[in-house]
Amino acid sequence: MTLFPRSLLWRTFLLVAALMLLSVAAWYLIFTTYEREPRAHQLSQLIVSVVNLTRTALVAARPDARTELLRELSDRESIHIYPAEPEDRIEPLPERAFLHRVEELLQERLGPDTRLTLEREGEPGLFVSFTIDDDGYWLALPRDRLERTLPIQWLGWGAAVLALSLVGAWLIMFRVTRPLKALERAAADIGRGRRPAPVTEKGPEEIRLLARNFNQMNADLARLDEDRALILAGVSHDLRTPLTRLRMGIEMSGADEATRQEMSVDIEEMDRSIGQFLDFARTDSGEPAETVDLAPLLDELAEQYQRRGHQVTVRHGVSRRLTLRPKALRRAIANLVDNALRHAGADKPVDIEVSERSGSVLIDVCDRGPGIPAAEAERLKLPFTRLQSARTGAIGTGLGLAIVDRVARAHGGAFDLLPREGGGLVARISLPLRG
C-alpha cells in the first residue's frame, strides 16, 4: 500500500500544491534576503543616533544633573547606560547574517572598537559599546528594537490567498479529470460487453476530441457487434433448415438403427455448435437484468441433468438474491456442466457449490476429471482454443469456456479454472454482491 495517490486528479493537485508552496517559500526567502540590507542600515542608523545623542547629552549635562538624566532616559526611552569593565561577561553574537551586518555598519560609523551583543552579565538586551573621554560604556536598548514584527493579519491574508489558490487548482484539475473519469467508466462498460451511452463532448479541445473519437469507436463497435449477430443468426437459420431435413431423411431412410443413431448424434453436435456460435456472439441475447434467487435457478438446472441420468448435485453454502441475467448465467453454468460430463465422464458426479467470499458469490462446478495444467488455464478461455490432450479432445467448437468468461465479465465478475483438491477441476464463476 502506498501513501501517494494513484488518481490523476490528486497526483496533479498535489504537484500543483507543492509547486505553489515552494513558490511562496522562494518568494519569502527572496524578500528576506533583499530586505535584510535596508533593515540593517535602518537599525544601525537608529543605534548610531541614540548613541550620539546620549553621548552628547551626558557630555553637555552638568555633573550633578547626569544622574537625573540617566534616570529620565531609563524611564522614558528605556535606554540604560552601564560602565564598561574589562571583566564584563558578554555573549558572542548568534550566527545570523543580519546581526553581523549591523555590527559591521556600527563599526564603520562609531569606530572599529564598537561591540554589539545581545546579553551582558546574564541580562538580555541590545548592548552597544561607546566611549566618552576614553571611558567605556554600554548602551542598552530593548530587544524589541531589533526584532521584526510580522502583523498577524498578514499571516491571515497569506493563508487565505494560499487556500484560494489551492481550491482554484483543485477545481481546474477536477474539470480536466471529470471527462476522463466518464471515459474510464464507459471503457469499463465496453470491457464487460455493455453498450454505454455516448460520453459528453465538452471541456478542453484535447478532451473533446478524445470523447468524440471514443464515441465514434463505441458506435463502430456496436455496429460491428450487431452485424456479427445478424450474420450469425442468418447463418444459423440457413444451416438449421437443412439439418432439420437431414433428421427427417434419417428417420425415413432404410438404414439400420446404429447408423441412424450415429448420424443423429452428428447432427445434434452440429446443432449445438451452431448454438454456441450464437451464444458467443450475443452472450446476453438482449436479456434485461433482474433480481434472481440463485438457489432455485441452480436446483432446476441440476434436476434437468438428473432426469437424463447424470449425477449433478448442488450444495448451497449461501442463499443470495443477485441482480443478473438469469438465462445468460444458466447458459454459462450449463456449458461448464457439459464440459465436466464430457471430459470427466458422463457417469461421474459433478458438484455445483455456492459460497461467499470477499464481497462475491462463488459458483463452483467441480469434477473429478484429468484437470488441466495451470499454465493453460488462461489460454483455454480464449475462443476456438482446445487443450492438446484427452481433456478437450476434438469435440466441440472451443467456444464453451469463452462464452462462460464473457458472461462472467458482463456481470462484473470473473471466471477462473482451478485445480481441485484430490484431483479434478474447479470451474469458478465469481459474481459481485453489488452490481
Protein backbone atom coordinates (compact mmCIF):
# COMPACT_ATOMS: atom_id res chain seq x y z
CA MET A 1 0.00 0.00 0.00
CA THR A 2 1.41 3.41 -0.98
CA LEU A 3 0.60 6.78 0.58
CA PHE A 4 0.97 8.50 -2.77
CA PRO A 5 -2.44 8.69 -4.52
CA ARG A 6 -2.97 6.87 -7.81
CA SER A 7 -5.60 9.08 -9.41
CA LEU A 8 -4.56 11.73 -11.92
CA LEU A 9 -6.67 14.34 -10.11
CA TRP A 10 -4.93 14.02 -6.76
CA ARG A 11 -1.46 13.46 -8.19
CA THR A 12 -1.68 16.62 -10.29
CA PHE A 13 -3.30 18.57 -7.46
CA LEU A 14 -0.55 17.59 -5.03
CA LEU A 15 2.07 18.51 -7.62
CA VAL A 16 0.48 21.94 -8.22
CA ALA A 17 0.08 22.47 -4.46
CA ALA A 18 3.73 21.57 -3.86
CA LEU A 19 4.85 23.95 -6.59
CA MET A 20 2.74 26.75 -5.10
CA LEU A 21 4.12 26.16 -1.60
CA LEU A 22 7.67 26.11 -2.97
CA SER A 23 6.94 29.32 -4.85
CA VAL A 24 5.67 31.00 -1.68
CA ALA A 25 8.73 29.81 0.24
CA ALA A 26 11.05 31.04 -2.53
CA TRP A 27 9.42 34.47 -2.61
CA TYR A 28 9.68 34.68 1.17
CA LEU A 29 13.40 33.89 1.03
CA ILE A 30 13.90 36.45 -1.76
CA PHE A 31 12.03 39.05 0.26
CA THR A 32 14.00 38.43 3.45
CA THR A 33 17.31 38.41 1.55
CA TYR A 34 16.72 41.73 -0.18
CA GLU A 35 15.02 43.25 2.85
CA ARG A 36 17.93 42.40 5.18
CA GLU A 37 20.34 45.11 3.95
CA PRO A 38 17.89 48.06 4.21
CA ARG A 39 16.75 46.91 7.64
CA ALA A 40 20.36 46.55 8.82
CA HIS A 41 21.11 50.11 7.66
CA GLN A 42 17.94 51.39 9.33
CA LEU A 43 18.68 49.68 12.65
CA SER A 44 22.36 50.70 12.64
CA GLN A 45 21.40 54.32 11.90
CA LEU A 46 18.91 54.25 14.78
CA ILE A 47 21.55 52.90 17.18
CA VAL A 48 24.17 55.40 16.00
CA SER A 49 21.69 58.26 16.51
CA VAL A 50 20.79 57.06 20.02
CA VAL A 51 24.47 56.60 20.95
CA ASN A 52 25.45 60.03 19.63
CA LEU A 53 22.54 61.79 21.27
CA THR A 54 23.15 60.01 24.56
CA ARG A 55 26.89 60.79 24.47
CA THR A 56 26.21 64.45 23.65
CA ALA A 57 23.59 64.74 26.38
CA LEU A 58 25.90 63.22 29.00
CA VAL A 59 28.85 65.39 27.98
CA ALA A 60 26.79 68.58 27.91
CA ALA A 61 24.94 67.94 31.17
CA ARG A 62 26.16 69.29 34.47
CA PRO A 63 27.83 66.63 36.64
CA ASP A 64 25.12 66.92 39.30
CA ALA A 65 22.38 66.50 36.66
CA ARG A 66 23.77 63.39 34.94
CA THR A 67 22.14 61.01 37.43
CA GLU A 68 18.76 62.60 36.78
CA LEU A 69 19.41 62.45 33.02
CA LEU A 70 20.22 58.76 33.17
CA ARG A 71 17.07 58.09 35.20
CA GLU A 72 14.97 60.00 32.68
CA LEU A 73 16.47 58.10 29.74
CA SER A 74 15.69 54.83 31.50
CA ASP A 75 12.11 55.74 32.41
CA ARG A 76 11.04 57.44 29.19
CA GLU A 77 13.13 55.84 26.45
CA SER A 78 14.09 52.51 28.10
CA ILE A 79 17.73 53.40 27.45
CA HIS A 80 20.19 52.22 30.10
CA ILE A 81 23.82 53.20 30.46
CA TYR A 82 26.36 50.93 32.17
CA PRO A 83 30.07 51.47 32.68
CA ALA A 84 32.18 49.01 30.71
CA GLU A 85 34.61 46.89 32.70
CA PRO A 86 37.32 44.59 31.33
CA GLU A 87 35.82 41.65 33.22
CA ASP A 88 32.33 42.11 31.75
CA ARG A 89 30.80 38.80 30.62
CA ILE A 90 29.26 39.22 27.20
CA GLU A 91 27.88 36.57 24.87
CA PRO A 92 29.08 36.45 21.24
CA LEU A 93 26.56 37.29 18.57
CA PRO A 94 24.47 34.41 17.19
CA GLU A 95 25.33 33.16 13.72
CA ARG A 96 22.87 35.45 11.98
CA ALA A 97 23.96 37.36 8.92
CA PHE A 98 21.67 40.26 9.82
CA LEU A 99 23.30 40.88 13.25
CA HIS A 100 26.83 40.65 11.90
CA ARG A 101 25.94 43.12 9.16
CA VAL A 102 24.57 45.55 11.79
CA GLU A 103 27.79 45.21 13.78
CA GLU A 104 29.87 45.98 10.67
CA LEU A 105 27.87 49.13 9.97
CA LEU A 106 28.17 50.27 13.60
CA GLN A 107 31.94 49.81 13.49
CA GLU A 108 32.07 51.89 10.32
CA ARG A 109 30.19 54.78 11.97
CA LEU A 110 31.18 54.57 15.65
CA GLY A 111 34.69 53.15 15.35
CA PRO A 112 36.32 49.76 14.88
CA ASP A 113 36.26 49.02 18.63
CA THR A 114 32.48 49.14 18.79
CA ARG A 115 30.98 45.92 20.06
CA LEU A 116 27.44 44.53 19.76
CA THR A 117 25.96 41.83 21.96
CA LEU A 118 22.55 40.50 22.98
CA GLU A 119 23.49 39.54 26.55
CA ARG A 120 25.73 41.19 29.16
CA GLU A 121 26.24 39.83 32.65
CA GLY A 122 23.32 37.46 32.07
CA GLU A 123 20.95 40.33 31.25
CA PRO A 124 19.27 40.17 27.80
CA GLY A 125 19.03 43.27 25.64
CA LEU A 126 20.65 45.06 22.73
CA PHE A 127 24.01 46.28 24.07
CA VAL A 128 26.30 48.66 22.13
CA SER A 129 29.65 49.88 23.40
CA PHE A 130 30.79 53.50 23.12
CA THR A 131 33.35 55.79 24.77
CA ILE A 132 33.35 59.20 26.43
CA ASP A 133 36.80 60.64 27.04
CA ASP A 134 38.42 57.21 26.78
CA ASP A 135 35.96 55.78 29.32
CA GLY A 136 33.95 52.82 28.07
CA TYR A 137 30.21 52.45 28.46
CA TRP A 138 27.43 50.09 27.40
CA LEU A 139 24.21 51.46 25.98
CA ALA A 140 21.33 49.01 26.40
CA LEU A 141 18.21 49.12 24.22
CA PRO A 142 15.15 46.87 24.42
CA ARG A 143 15.33 43.73 22.29
CA ASP A 144 12.11 44.68 20.53
CA ARG A 145 14.08 47.36 18.67
CA LEU A 146 15.92 44.51 17.00
CA GLU A 147 13.14 42.03 16.32
CA ARG A 148 10.97 42.40 13.28
CA THR A 149 7.24 42.10 13.99
CA LEU A 150 5.08 40.44 11.41
CA PRO A 151 1.45 41.58 11.59
CA ILE A 152 -0.98 38.77 12.31
CA GLN A 153 -3.31 39.97 9.54
CA TRP A 154 -0.52 39.40 7.03
CA LEU A 155 -0.43 35.76 8.01
CA GLY A 156 -4.20 35.54 7.74
CA TRP A 157 -4.30 37.14 4.31
CA GLY A 158 -1.42 34.99 3.13
CA ALA A 159 -3.15 31.81 4.34
CA ALA A 160 -6.41 32.92 2.69
CA VAL A 161 -4.70 33.58 -0.65
CA LEU A 162 -2.90 30.25 -0.49
CA ALA A 163 -6.15 28.41 0.35
CA LEU A 164 -7.99 30.11 -2.51
CA SER A 165 -5.15 29.23 -4.88
CA LEU A 166 -5.28 25.58 -3.82
CA VAL A 167 -9.08 25.48 -4.21
CA GLY A 168 -8.74 27.01 -7.67
CA ALA A 169 -6.08 24.45 -8.62
CA TRP A 170 -8.32 21.62 -7.41
CA LEU A 171 -11.31 22.94 -9.40
CA ILE A 172 -9.18 23.25 -12.54
CA MET A 173 -7.88 19.69 -12.21
CA PHE A 174 -11.38 18.41 -11.40
CA ARG A 175 -12.74 19.93 -14.62
CA VAL A 176 -9.92 18.28 -16.55
CA THR A 177 -10.20 14.83 -14.98
CA ARG A 178 -14.00 14.58 -14.79
CA PRO A 179 -14.36 13.80 -18.53
CA LEU A 180 -11.54 11.27 -18.16
CA LYS A 181 -13.48 9.52 -15.37
CA ALA A 182 -16.53 9.36 -17.64
CA LEU A 183 -14.36 7.82 -20.36
CA GLU A 184 -12.98 5.34 -17.85
CA ARG A 185 -16.47 4.20 -16.81
CA ALA A 186 -17.60 3.90 -20.43
CA ALA A 187 -14.48 1.89 -21.34
CA ALA A 188 -15.13 -0.44 -18.38
CA ASP A 189 -18.70 -0.97 -19.61
CA ILE A 190 -17.39 -1.87 -23.07
CA GLY A 191 -14.95 -4.31 -21.46
CA ARG A 192 -17.91 -6.00 -19.73
CA GLY A 193 -19.75 -6.38 -23.01
CA ARG A 194 -22.18 -3.50 -22.43
CA ARG A 195 -23.04 -0.56 -24.67
CA PRO A 196 -22.57 2.67 -22.71
CA ALA A 197 -24.30 5.89 -23.65
CA PRO A 198 -22.15 8.41 -25.55
CA VAL A 199 -19.94 10.46 -23.27
CA THR A 200 -20.38 14.23 -23.17
CA GLU A 201 -18.11 16.05 -25.62
CA LYS A 202 -17.13 19.16 -23.68
CA GLY A 203 -14.12 20.62 -21.94
CA PRO A 204 -10.68 21.46 -23.40
CA GLU A 205 -10.11 20.79 -27.08
CA GLU A 206 -7.99 17.68 -26.42
CA ILE A 207 -10.66 16.20 -24.11
CA ARG A 208 -13.44 16.96 -26.63
CA LEU A 209 -11.51 15.27 -29.43
CA LEU A 210 -10.82 12.25 -27.21
CA ALA A 211 -14.51 11.97 -26.25
CA ARG A 212 -15.60 12.37 -29.89
CA ASN A 213 -13.23 9.64 -31.07
CA PHE A 214 -14.30 7.40 -28.20
CA ASN A 215 -17.97 7.84 -29.09
CA GLN A 216 -17.16 7.05 -32.72
CA MET A 217 -15.28 3.91 -31.65
CA ASN A 218 -18.17 2.87 -29.40
CA ALA A 219 -20.66 3.33 -32.25
CA ASP A 220 -18.43 1.36 -34.64
CA LEU A 221 -18.07 -1.49 -32.14
CA ALA A 222 -21.84 -1.58 -31.58
CA ARG A 223 -22.42 -1.65 -35.34
CA LEU A 224 -19.89 -4.45 -35.79
CA ASP A 225 -21.49 -6.42 -32.96
CA GLU A 226 -24.94 -6.01 -34.48
CA ASP A 227 -23.65 -7.02 -37.92
CA ARG A 228 -21.92 -10.06 -36.46
CA ALA A 229 -25.04 -11.14 -34.59
CA LEU A 230 -27.17 -10.63 -37.71
CA ILE A 231 -24.77 -12.64 -39.86
CA LEU A 232 -24.57 -15.48 -37.35
CA ALA A 233 -28.35 -15.52 -36.95
CA GLY A 234 -28.74 -15.78 -40.72
CA VAL A 235 -26.09 -18.49 -40.96
CA SER A 236 -27.68 -20.46 -38.12
CA HIS A 237 -31.09 -20.25 -39.80
CA ASP A 238 -29.68 -21.32 -43.15
CA LEU A 239 -27.81 -24.23 -41.54
CA ARG A 240 -30.54 -25.45 -39.22
CA THR A 241 -33.10 -25.71 -42.02
CA PRO A 242 -31.12 -28.40 -43.91
CA LEU A 243 -30.28 -30.05 -40.58
CA THR A 244 -33.99 -30.46 -39.92
CA ARG A 245 -34.42 -32.04 -43.35
CA LEU A 246 -31.49 -34.35 -42.64
CA ARG A 247 -33.15 -35.51 -39.40
CA MET A 248 -36.33 -36.29 -41.24
CA GLY A 249 -34.38 -38.04 -44.02
CA ILE A 250 -32.53 -40.20 -41.50
CA GLU A 251 -35.75 -41.24 -39.79
CA MET A 252 -37.32 -42.16 -43.14
CA SER A 253 -34.24 -43.89 -44.52
CA GLY A 254 -33.87 -47.60 -44.51
CA ALA A 255 -30.55 -47.51 -42.67
CA ASP A 256 -30.07 -49.73 -39.64
CA GLU A 257 -30.61 -48.37 -36.14
CA ALA A 258 -26.88 -47.97 -35.29
CA THR A 259 -26.22 -45.93 -38.43
CA ARG A 260 -29.23 -43.70 -37.79
CA GLN A 261 -28.12 -43.19 -34.22
CA GLU A 262 -24.59 -42.16 -35.25
CA MET A 263 -25.91 -39.76 -37.87
CA SER A 264 -28.36 -38.24 -35.37
CA VAL A 265 -25.52 -37.70 -32.89
CA ASP A 266 -23.51 -35.90 -35.58
CA ILE A 267 -26.48 -33.68 -36.42
CA GLU A 268 -27.05 -32.88 -32.73
CA GLU A 269 -23.38 -31.96 -32.38
CA MET A 270 -23.64 -29.65 -35.39
CA ASP A 271 -26.76 -28.05 -33.93
CA ARG A 272 -25.01 -27.48 -30.59
CA SER A 273 -22.05 -25.93 -32.38
CA ILE A 274 -24.34 -23.50 -34.18
CA GLY A 275 -25.98 -22.66 -30.86
CA GLN A 276 -22.59 -21.98 -29.30
CA PHE A 277 -21.66 -19.64 -32.13
CA LEU A 278 -24.83 -17.68 -31.43
CA ASP A 279 -24.23 -17.69 -27.67
CA PHE A 280 -20.73 -16.35 -28.15
CA ALA A 281 -21.96 -13.62 -30.49
CA ARG A 282 -24.70 -12.48 -28.08
CA THR A 283 -23.98 -13.58 -24.54
CA ASP A 284 -26.93 -11.65 -23.07
CA SER A 285 -29.28 -12.05 -26.09
CA GLY A 286 -30.74 -8.66 -25.23
CA GLU A 287 -31.90 -10.08 -21.90
CA PRO A 288 -32.61 -7.46 -19.21
CA ALA A 289 -31.10 -7.86 -15.75
CA GLU A 290 -33.41 -8.86 -12.92
CA THR A 291 -33.16 -9.87 -9.27
CA VAL A 292 -32.92 -13.65 -9.08
CA ASP A 293 -32.55 -16.18 -6.27
CA LEU A 294 -29.63 -18.43 -7.16
CA ALA A 295 -30.89 -21.49 -5.31
CA PRO A 296 -33.98 -22.26 -7.44
CA LEU A 297 -32.08 -21.50 -10.66
CA LEU A 298 -29.29 -23.98 -9.85
CA ASP A 299 -31.65 -26.61 -8.44
CA GLU A 300 -33.77 -26.56 -11.60
CA LEU A 301 -30.65 -26.87 -13.79
CA ALA A 302 -29.39 -29.83 -11.75
CA GLU A 303 -32.78 -31.57 -11.96
CA GLN A 304 -32.68 -31.44 -15.75
CA TYR A 305 -29.35 -33.27 -15.77
CA GLN A 306 -30.56 -35.72 -13.14
CA ARG A 307 -33.57 -36.64 -15.33
CA ARG A 308 -31.07 -37.58 -18.05
CA GLY A 309 -29.29 -39.90 -15.65
CA HIS A 310 -26.33 -37.66 -14.69
CA GLN A 311 -25.06 -37.25 -11.13
CA VAL A 312 -25.24 -33.46 -10.81
CA THR A 313 -25.79 -32.11 -7.29
CA VAL A 314 -26.00 -28.60 -5.84
CA ARG A 315 -24.61 -27.57 -2.45
CA HIS A 316 -25.84 -24.19 -1.21
CA GLY A 317 -23.33 -22.68 1.19
CA VAL A 318 -25.25 -19.40 0.98
CA SER A 319 -28.60 -18.33 -0.40
CA ARG A 320 -28.42 -15.00 -2.23
CA ARG A 321 -30.58 -12.86 -4.47
CA LEU A 322 -28.49 -11.18 -7.15
CA THR A 323 -29.21 -8.78 -9.97
CA LEU A 324 -28.20 -10.63 -13.13
CA ARG A 325 -29.32 -12.03 -16.48
CA PRO A 326 -30.64 -15.46 -15.50
CA LYS A 327 -30.69 -17.02 -18.98
CA ALA A 328 -27.12 -15.98 -19.73
CA LEU A 329 -25.89 -17.26 -16.34
CA ARG A 330 -27.83 -20.51 -16.73
CA ARG A 331 -26.28 -20.99 -20.17
CA ALA A 332 -22.80 -20.42 -18.77
CA ILE A 333 -23.22 -22.91 -15.91
CA ALA A 334 -24.73 -25.46 -18.31
CA ASN A 335 -21.64 -25.11 -20.51
CA LEU A 336 -19.44 -25.86 -17.51
CA VAL A 337 -21.53 -28.89 -16.52
CA ASP A 338 -21.49 -30.22 -20.11
CA ASN A 339 -17.73 -29.70 -20.22
CA ALA A 340 -17.32 -31.60 -16.94
CA LEU A 341 -19.52 -34.50 -18.08
CA ARG A 342 -17.72 -34.68 -21.42
CA HIS A 343 -14.20 -34.81 -20.05
CA ALA A 344 -14.61 -36.36 -16.60
CA GLY A 345 -17.12 -38.95 -17.82
CA ALA A 346 -20.88 -38.92 -18.16
CA ASP A 347 -21.18 -41.41 -15.27
CA LYS A 348 -19.00 -39.37 -12.89
CA PRO A 349 -20.50 -36.95 -10.32
CA VAL A 350 -20.43 -33.21 -10.90
CA ASP A 351 -20.86 -30.89 -7.90
CA ILE A 352 -22.16 -27.31 -8.08
CA GLU A 353 -21.14 -25.46 -4.92
CA VAL A 354 -22.22 -21.94 -3.93
CA SER A 355 -20.24 -19.94 -1.38
CA GLU A 356 -19.48 -16.33 -0.45
CA ARG A 357 -16.06 -14.71 -0.11
CA SER A 358 -14.78 -11.10 -0.01
CA GLY A 359 -17.96 -9.49 -1.28
CA SER A 360 -18.53 -12.02 -4.10
CA VAL A 361 -20.69 -15.08 -4.61
CA LEU A 362 -18.68 -18.04 -5.93
CA ILE A 363 -20.34 -20.66 -8.12
CA ASP A 364 -18.00 -23.66 -8.44
CA VAL A 365 -18.59 -26.50 -10.92
CA CYS A 366 -16.36 -29.34 -9.68
CA ASP A 367 -15.48 -32.59 -11.42
CA ARG A 368 -13.04 -35.47 -10.97
CA GLY A 369 -11.63 -35.44 -14.47
CA PRO A 370 -7.98 -35.25 -15.50
CA GLY A 371 -7.84 -31.48 -14.91
CA ILE A 372 -5.77 -29.02 -16.91
CA PRO A 373 -2.26 -27.60 -16.44
CA ALA A 374 -2.24 -24.29 -14.54
CA ALA A 375 -0.23 -22.69 -17.35
CA GLU A 376 -3.02 -23.43 -19.85
CA ALA A 377 -5.92 -22.04 -17.75
CA GLU A 378 -5.94 -18.54 -19.22
CA ARG A 379 -5.35 -19.68 -22.79
CA LEU A 380 -8.32 -22.05 -22.69
CA LYS A 381 -10.67 -19.12 -22.03
CA LEU A 382 -9.87 -17.75 -25.48
CA PRO A 383 -12.26 -18.52 -28.37
CA PHE A 384 -11.60 -21.59 -30.51
CA THR A 385 -8.95 -22.90 -28.11
CA ARG A 386 -8.55 -26.56 -27.15
CA LEU A 387 -6.05 -28.35 -24.98
CA GLN A 388 -3.95 -30.83 -26.92
CA SER A 389 -4.80 -33.69 -24.55
CA ALA A 390 -7.59 -36.03 -23.63
CA ARG A 391 -9.45 -33.34 -21.69
CA THR A 392 -10.63 -31.31 -24.64
CA GLY A 393 -10.15 -33.74 -27.49
CA ALA A 394 -11.54 -32.62 -30.82
CA ILE A 395 -15.24 -32.44 -29.93
CA GLY A 396 -16.97 -29.07 -29.79
CA THR A 397 -16.19 -25.64 -31.14
CA GLY A 398 -13.78 -24.46 -28.47
CA LEU A 399 -16.21 -21.68 -27.50
CA GLY A 400 -17.73 -23.09 -24.29
CA LEU A 401 -15.23 -21.60 -21.83
CA ALA A 402 -15.00 -18.37 -23.83
CA ILE A 403 -18.78 -17.98 -23.51
CA VAL A 404 -18.57 -18.52 -19.73
CA ASP A 405 -15.80 -15.93 -19.49
CA ARG A 406 -17.82 -13.35 -21.43
CA VAL A 407 -20.93 -13.95 -19.31
CA ALA A 408 -18.93 -13.56 -16.08
CA ARG A 409 -17.28 -10.31 -17.24
CA ALA A 410 -20.62 -8.95 -18.48
CA HIS A 411 -21.89 -9.34 -14.89
CA GLY A 412 -18.83 -7.52 -13.49
CA GLY A 413 -17.37 -10.80 -12.25
CA ALA A 414 -14.62 -13.21 -13.23
CA PHE A 415 -14.11 -16.77 -14.43
CA ASP A 416 -11.26 -19.00 -13.21
CA LEU A 417 -10.10 -22.55 -13.81
CA LEU A 418 -8.54 -24.04 -10.66
CA PRO A 419 -7.18 -27.44 -9.67
CA ARG A 420 -9.45 -29.41 -7.34
CA GLU A 421 -8.07 -30.93 -4.18
CA GLY A 422 -7.87 -34.68 -4.65
CA GLY A 423 -7.82 -34.37 -8.46
CA GLY A 424 -10.10 -32.80 -10.99
CA LEU A 425 -11.06 -29.27 -11.96
CA VAL A 426 -12.94 -26.41 -10.32
CA ALA A 427 -14.53 -24.01 -12.83
CA ARG A 428 -15.40 -20.94 -10.77
CA ILE A 429 -17.70 -18.02 -11.64
CA SER A 430 -17.33 -15.06 -9.27
CA LEU A 431 -20.25 -12.61 -9.15
CA PRO A 432 -20.13 -9.36 -7.14
CA LEU A 433 -22.76 -8.95 -4.45
CA ARG A 434 -23.28 -5.35 -5.59
CA GLY A 435 -23.74 -4.58 -9.25
